[in-house]
Amino acid sequence: MLAFVTGATGFVGSHVARALADYGADLRLLLRSSSNPKNIEGLKAERVVGDLCDAASLEKGLAGCDAVFHVAADYRLWVRDPDQMYRANVEGTRAILGAALKNGVRRVVYTSSVATMGFTSNGHPADETSPVSLEKMIGPYKRSKFLAEKLAVEAGRSGMDVVVVNPSTPVGERDIKPTPTGRIIVDFLKKKFPAYVDTGLNLVDVSECARGHIAAMEKGRSGERYILGGENLTLKRILDKLAVITGLPSPRLRVPYAIALATGVVDEMFTGHILKREPRATIDAVRMGRKKMFVSSAKAARELGWEGGPVDNALQRAVEWFTSNGYV
């Protein structure tokens, strides 16, 4: 099997590419000229330099491929130019689907996110059937992923063979940017976490998440979504786990929502608009935090054989990787 992978130099994408190599697949990776290849060092793969919105590079990359794993995404909770995010996440997905159809690719696995799910304020776990709409998506990242996922689902129900996976919040090694979740770990290691807000996430081991992509390729139904989740945890519980791993103290002060929102407003204005850097706290992140992003992976368990579980080992690996790679 020849598999085409986008986003292979990134966090989740590098794990998907390596899982495919272990599976025995031949790899062809789409890399931008500016991509840092550190995450794919030593990986046997053909490399195609191009861009999601560059039709010529997609034609070259997809020729003769059996499967496409579209993992690439612009994942940030603050961006000065939202149009840039829509081009990458929405138009890039549209271009991949179009090129896959034209080249007769047998199956596309699209990496979405649980950010597209319908969460409630009572913390009840969301699943693939939870009511949701574009209007409920907070910020350009969630909106762009919602629209891109819609394209993939529609394609999968209109003749193409497209399966959607919705990873929760992956943690582990090779979070090179790092992602917003990885930044939580880095800030904790730097002792920049004096307080916490009452929110929650579902964390998943990134290695297990990658294997879930392969299960989706093998067993998923076209046009269906599958949540790949691990452990539902409050932010305080995540920080407590990090404290056990590192020996550093876990914060005891809980910040009220109103103060957290005010902090986001100030940081976004000063750091984002005046200093032209990505803020540590953003308005959208605080607004998202009002709802605990807990999920159920029961559908993936039934249909894909998914087994998400405790993430202590993944957190341990993340701490070791960030420390040994100079983030702390």
Protein backbone atom coordinates (compact mmCIF):
# COMPACT_ATOMS: atom_id res chain seq x y z
CA MET A 1 0.00 0.00 0.00
CA LEU A 2 1.26 3.46 -0.92
CA ALA A 3 0.00 6.04 1.59
CA PHE A 4 0.12 9.80 1.05
CA VAL A 5 0.40 11.76 4.31
CA THR A 6 -0.02 15.49 4.85
CA GLY A 7 1.28 17.13 8.02
CA ALA A 8 3.91 14.44 8.60
CA THR A 9 6.42 16.92 10.05
CA GLY A 10 3.90 17.96 12.69
CA PHE A 11 2.92 16.37 15.97
CA VAL A 12 0.09 13.98 15.14
CA GLY A 13 1.16 13.60 11.52
CA SER A 14 4.63 12.34 12.41
CA HIS A 15 3.10 9.65 14.61
CA VAL A 16 0.65 8.66 11.87
CA ALA A 17 3.49 8.40 9.35
CA ARG A 18 5.59 6.23 11.68
CA ALA A 19 2.60 4.04 12.55
CA LEU A 20 1.99 3.51 8.83
CA ALA A 21 5.65 2.57 8.35
CA ASP A 22 5.33 0.01 11.17
CA TYR A 23 2.16 -1.24 9.46
CA GLY A 24 4.22 -1.94 6.35
CA ALA A 25 2.97 0.86 4.13
CA ASP A 26 5.14 2.70 1.62
CA LEU A 27 5.07 6.41 2.37
CA ARG A 28 4.87 9.56 0.32
CA LEU A 29 4.89 12.73 2.42
CA LEU A 30 3.81 16.24 1.45
CA LEU A 31 6.22 18.80 2.91
CA ARG A 32 6.29 22.54 2.57
CA SER A 33 9.68 24.00 1.65
CA SER A 34 9.73 25.73 5.04
CA SER A 35 8.88 22.60 7.06
CA ASN A 36 11.21 21.47 9.84
CA PRO A 37 11.99 17.79 8.99
CA LYS A 38 13.15 16.89 12.52
CA ASN A 39 10.05 14.78 13.27
CA ILE A 40 10.58 12.50 10.27
CA GLU A 41 14.33 11.99 10.60
CA GLY A 42 15.24 8.37 9.87
CA LEU A 43 11.82 7.64 8.37
CA LYS A 44 11.95 5.86 5.01
CA ALA A 45 9.62 7.86 2.79
CA GLU A 46 9.39 9.65 -0.52
CA ARG A 47 9.09 13.40 -0.02
CA VAL A 48 7.10 15.76 -2.22
CA VAL A 49 7.69 19.46 -1.69
CA GLY A 50 4.48 21.41 -2.11
CA ASP A 51 1.45 22.92 -0.48
CA LEU A 52 -2.16 21.95 0.14
CA CYS A 53 -3.36 24.68 -2.17
CA ASP A 54 -0.79 23.92 -4.89
CA ALA A 55 -2.66 21.70 -7.36
CA ALA A 56 0.52 20.62 -9.16
CA SER A 57 2.18 19.30 -6.00
CA LEU A 58 -0.98 17.44 -5.02
CA GLU A 59 -1.24 15.84 -8.46
CA LYS A 60 2.36 14.70 -8.19
CA GLY A 61 1.95 13.48 -4.65
CA LEU A 62 -1.27 11.54 -5.12
CA ALA A 63 -0.41 9.79 -8.38
CA GLY A 64 -0.56 6.04 -7.78
CA CYS A 65 -1.48 6.29 -4.10
CA ASP A 66 -3.88 3.83 -2.47
CA ALA A 67 -4.74 5.87 0.61
CA VAL A 68 -4.53 9.46 1.81
CA PHE A 69 -4.11 10.51 5.44
CA HIS A 70 -4.90 14.22 5.55
CA VAL A 71 -3.52 15.20 8.95
CA ALA A 72 -2.18 18.70 8.21
CA ALA A 73 -3.97 21.61 9.86
CA ASP A 74 -3.33 25.10 11.13
CA TYR A 75 -3.90 24.55 14.86
CA ARG A 76 -3.71 27.78 16.80
CA LEU A 77 -6.15 29.44 19.18
CA TRP A 78 -5.13 32.92 18.08
CA VAL A 79 -4.25 34.16 14.61
CA ARG A 80 -3.83 37.68 13.24
CA ASP A 81 -5.18 36.71 9.81
CA PRO A 82 -8.11 34.26 10.14
CA ASP A 83 -8.30 33.97 6.33
CA GLN A 84 -4.93 32.21 6.41
CA MET A 85 -6.39 29.55 8.70
CA TYR A 86 -9.46 29.06 6.52
CA ARG A 87 -7.25 28.67 3.44
CA ALA A 88 -5.18 25.96 5.11
CA ASN A 89 -7.93 24.07 6.90
CA VAL A 90 -10.93 24.44 4.60
CA GLU A 91 -9.59 25.10 1.11
CA GLY A 92 -6.67 22.73 1.72
CA THR A 93 -9.11 19.95 2.60
CA ARG A 94 -11.23 20.74 -0.44
CA ALA A 95 -8.13 20.52 -2.65
CA ILE A 96 -7.01 17.19 -1.14
CA LEU A 97 -10.45 15.64 -1.61
CA GLY A 98 -10.63 16.87 -5.20
CA ALA A 99 -7.16 15.56 -6.06
CA ALA A 100 -7.89 12.21 -4.37
CA LEU A 101 -11.07 11.80 -6.40
CA LYS A 102 -9.30 12.71 -9.63
CA ASN A 103 -6.48 10.22 -8.95
CA GLY A 104 -8.75 7.35 -7.96
CA VAL A 105 -7.45 7.03 -4.40
CA ARG A 106 -9.25 4.13 -2.71
CA ARG A 107 -9.71 5.66 0.75
CA VAL A 108 -9.16 9.01 2.47
CA VAL A 109 -8.77 9.30 6.25
CA TYR A 110 -9.36 12.89 7.30
CA THR A 111 -8.10 14.08 10.70
CA SER A 112 -10.65 16.40 12.22
CA SER A 113 -10.90 17.24 15.94
CA VAL A 114 -13.27 16.94 18.87
CA ALA A 115 -13.37 20.73 18.64
CA THR A 116 -16.19 20.19 16.14
CA MET A 117 -18.37 18.36 18.66
CA GLY A 118 -21.31 19.78 20.59
CA PHE A 119 -20.21 20.29 24.19
CA THR A 120 -22.47 21.20 27.08
CA SER A 121 -21.85 23.27 30.19
CA ASN A 122 -22.80 20.36 32.48
CA GLY A 123 -19.71 18.33 31.50
CA HIS A 124 -21.68 15.41 30.06
CA PRO A 125 -19.41 13.65 27.50
CA ALA A 126 -20.14 14.58 23.90
CA ASP A 127 -20.24 12.02 21.12
CA GLU A 128 -20.73 11.94 17.35
CA THR A 129 -24.50 12.47 17.74
CA SER A 130 -24.35 15.53 20.01
CA PRO A 131 -26.24 18.50 18.49
CA VAL A 132 -23.90 21.10 17.05
CA SER A 133 -23.85 23.94 14.53
CA LEU A 134 -21.37 26.37 12.99
CA GLU A 135 -22.81 29.15 15.15
CA LYS A 136 -21.65 27.29 18.27
CA MET A 137 -18.05 27.10 17.09
CA ILE A 138 -15.81 29.54 18.99
CA GLY A 139 -13.00 31.17 17.00
CA PRO A 140 -11.53 30.60 13.54
CA TYR A 141 -9.83 27.30 14.41
CA LYS A 142 -13.02 25.55 15.49
CA ARG A 143 -15.05 27.12 12.68
CA SER A 144 -12.51 26.18 10.01
CA LYS A 145 -12.26 22.59 11.27
CA PHE A 146 -16.06 22.34 11.39
CA LEU A 147 -16.34 23.47 7.77
CA ALA A 148 -13.51 21.20 6.63
CA GLU A 149 -15.05 18.22 8.40
CA LYS A 150 -18.35 18.96 6.69
CA LEU A 151 -16.62 18.74 3.30
CA ALA A 152 -15.10 15.37 4.23
CA VAL A 153 -18.35 13.91 5.55
CA GLU A 154 -20.29 15.07 2.51
CA ALA A 155 -17.68 13.59 0.18
CA GLY A 156 -17.86 10.29 2.08
CA ARG A 157 -21.63 10.17 1.68
CA SER A 158 -21.60 11.15 -1.98
CA GLY A 159 -19.55 8.43 -3.62
CA MET A 160 -16.01 8.93 -2.33
CA ASP A 161 -14.56 6.65 0.35
CA VAL A 162 -13.77 9.09 3.17
CA VAL A 163 -13.56 8.33 6.89
CA VAL A 164 -13.25 11.07 9.52
CA VAL A 165 -11.40 10.66 12.81
CA ASN A 166 -11.79 13.15 15.65
CA PRO A 167 -8.81 12.95 18.02
CA SER A 168 -9.48 14.51 21.40
CA THR A 169 -6.37 16.25 22.78
CA PRO A 170 -3.21 14.30 21.89
CA VAL A 171 -0.21 14.36 24.23
CA GLY A 172 3.20 12.77 23.92
CA GLU A 173 6.57 13.27 22.29
CA ARG A 174 7.41 15.30 19.14
CA ASP A 175 4.95 18.15 19.86
CA ILE A 176 7.33 20.36 17.98
CA LYS A 177 5.49 23.72 17.81
CA PRO A 178 4.14 22.99 20.54
CA THR A 179 0.35 22.71 20.30
CA PRO A 180 -1.81 24.66 22.78
CA THR A 181 -2.00 21.52 24.94
CA GLY A 182 1.74 21.02 24.75
CA ARG A 183 2.12 24.62 25.86
CA ILE A 184 0.25 23.75 29.06
CA ILE A 185 2.93 21.16 29.82
CA VAL A 186 5.79 23.51 28.91
CA ASP A 187 4.34 26.33 31.03
CA PHE A 188 3.98 23.93 33.96
CA LEU A 189 7.60 22.85 33.56
CA LYS A 190 8.66 26.51 33.47
CA LYS A 191 6.67 27.16 36.66
CA LYS A 192 4.40 29.57 34.78
CA PHE A 193 1.18 27.99 36.02
CA PRO A 194 0.38 29.83 39.28
CA ALA A 195 -3.38 29.18 39.00
CA TYR A 196 -5.94 27.21 37.03
CA VAL A 197 -9.47 27.57 35.69
CA ASP A 198 -12.32 25.13 36.19
CA THR A 199 -12.29 23.40 32.83
CA GLY A 200 -11.57 19.96 31.47
CA LEU A 201 -10.18 18.09 28.47
CA ASN A 202 -10.05 14.58 27.14
CA LEU A 203 -6.40 13.63 26.70
CA VAL A 204 -5.29 10.83 24.39
CA ASP A 205 -1.89 9.21 23.89
CA VAL A 206 -0.67 10.46 20.51
CA SER A 207 0.78 7.03 19.67
CA GLU A 208 -2.58 5.37 20.27
CA CYS A 209 -4.23 8.14 18.25
CA ALA A 210 -1.97 7.30 15.30
CA ARG A 211 -2.90 3.63 15.49
CA GLY A 212 -6.55 4.73 15.56
CA HIS A 213 -6.02 6.32 12.14
CA ILE A 214 -4.97 2.95 10.75
CA ALA A 215 -7.97 1.25 12.37
CA ALA A 216 -10.18 3.84 10.68
CA MET A 217 -8.58 3.03 7.34
CA GLU A 218 -9.20 -0.67 7.88
CA LYS A 219 -12.63 -0.70 9.52
CA GLY A 220 -14.25 2.74 9.34
CA ARG A 221 -17.44 3.38 7.41
CA SER A 222 -17.33 6.00 4.70
CA GLY A 223 -18.96 9.29 5.67
CA GLU A 224 -18.77 8.50 9.39
CA ARG A 225 -16.94 10.27 12.24
CA TYR A 226 -15.04 8.48 15.00
CA ILE A 227 -13.90 10.12 18.23
CA LEU A 228 -10.45 8.91 19.29
CA GLY A 229 -10.39 9.81 22.97
CA GLY A 230 -8.54 8.65 26.04
CA GLU A 231 -9.13 10.03 29.53
CA ASN A 232 -11.55 12.77 30.62
CA LEU A 233 -9.68 15.01 33.06
CA THR A 234 -10.20 18.39 34.66
CA LEU A 235 -7.36 20.84 34.11
CA LYS A 236 -6.58 20.62 37.82
CA ARG A 237 -6.28 16.82 37.57
CA ILE A 238 -3.93 17.17 34.57
CA LEU A 239 -1.73 19.55 36.55
CA ASP A 240 -1.79 17.18 39.52
CA LYS A 241 -0.59 14.36 37.26
CA LEU A 242 2.23 16.58 35.98
CA ALA A 243 3.15 17.37 39.57
CA VAL A 244 3.51 13.66 40.36
CA ILE A 245 5.66 13.11 37.26
CA THR A 246 7.94 16.12 37.77
CA GLY A 247 7.96 16.76 41.49
CA LEU A 248 6.90 20.36 40.85
CA PRO A 249 3.98 21.83 42.84
CA SER A 250 0.50 21.85 41.34
CA PRO A 251 -1.30 25.22 41.59
CA ARG A 252 -3.94 25.49 44.29
CA LEU A 253 -5.53 28.79 43.27
CA ARG A 254 -8.58 28.58 41.05
CA VAL A 255 -9.24 31.65 38.91
CA PRO A 256 -12.87 32.74 38.38
CA TYR A 257 -14.07 32.88 34.78
CA ALA A 258 -14.45 36.69 34.77
CA ILE A 259 -10.82 37.21 35.81
CA ALA A 260 -9.60 34.65 33.28
CA LEU A 261 -11.54 36.41 30.53
CA ALA A 262 -10.13 39.81 31.54
CA THR A 263 -6.63 38.32 31.44
CA GLY A 264 -7.30 37.00 27.95
CA VAL A 265 -8.48 40.41 26.76
CA VAL A 266 -5.38 42.16 28.12
CA ASP A 267 -2.93 39.52 26.86
CA GLU A 268 -4.50 39.42 23.42
CA MET A 269 -4.42 43.22 23.10
CA PHE A 270 -0.88 43.70 24.45
CA THR A 271 0.96 40.57 23.32
CA GLY A 272 -1.03 39.92 20.17
CA HIS A 273 -1.76 43.35 18.75
CA ILE A 274 1.04 45.47 20.21
CA LEU A 275 3.96 43.03 20.46
CA LYS A 276 2.74 41.01 17.42
CA ARG A 277 3.33 37.69 19.20
CA GLU A 278 0.95 34.86 19.96
CA PRO A 279 -0.69 35.51 23.36
CA ARG A 280 -0.36 32.97 26.15
CA ALA A 281 -3.98 33.56 27.13
CA THR A 282 -6.63 34.26 24.49
CA ILE A 283 -10.28 35.25 24.63
CA ASP A 284 -11.31 32.24 22.55
CA ALA A 285 -9.39 29.83 24.78
CA VAL A 286 -11.09 31.20 27.89
CA ARG A 287 -14.52 31.06 26.22
CA MET A 288 -13.89 27.44 25.20
CA GLY A 289 -12.91 26.67 28.76
CA ARG A 290 -16.42 27.40 30.04
CA LYS A 291 -17.37 23.94 28.80
CA LYS A 292 -15.52 20.81 29.79
CA MET A 293 -14.49 19.10 26.54
CA PHE A 294 -15.26 15.57 27.74
CA VAL A 295 -16.06 12.95 25.10
CA SER A 296 -17.12 9.35 24.66
CA SER A 297 -15.27 7.05 22.24
CA ALA A 298 -17.89 4.30 22.42
CA LYS A 299 -18.55 4.36 18.66
CA ALA A 300 -14.86 3.96 17.83
CA ALA A 301 -14.63 1.15 20.37
CA ARG A 302 -17.57 -0.67 18.77
CA GLU A 303 -16.62 -0.21 15.14
CA LEU A 304 -12.84 0.24 15.11
CA GLY A 305 -11.77 -1.76 18.15
CA TRP A 306 -10.50 1.48 19.71
CA GLU A 307 -9.03 1.25 23.21
CA GLY A 308 -8.22 4.68 24.59
CA GLY A 309 -7.11 4.74 28.19
CA PRO A 310 -5.01 6.44 30.88
CA VAL A 311 -2.51 9.01 29.62
CA ASP A 312 0.08 8.99 32.42
CA ASN A 313 2.68 7.36 30.18
CA ALA A 314 2.01 9.87 27.38
CA LEU A 315 2.38 12.78 29.81
CA GLN A 316 5.64 11.28 31.07
CA ARG A 317 6.97 11.00 27.51
CA ALA A 318 5.89 14.56 26.75
CA VAL A 319 7.70 15.90 29.82
CA GLU A 320 10.86 13.99 28.92
CA TRP A 321 10.73 15.12 25.28
CA PHE A 322 10.16 18.80 26.04
CA THR A 323 12.95 18.72 28.63
CA SER A 324 15.49 16.94 26.45
CA ASN A 325 14.73 19.14 23.43
CA GLY A 326 15.35 22.47 25.09
CA TYR A 327 11.80 23.74 25.62
CA VAL A 328 12.44 24.15 29.33
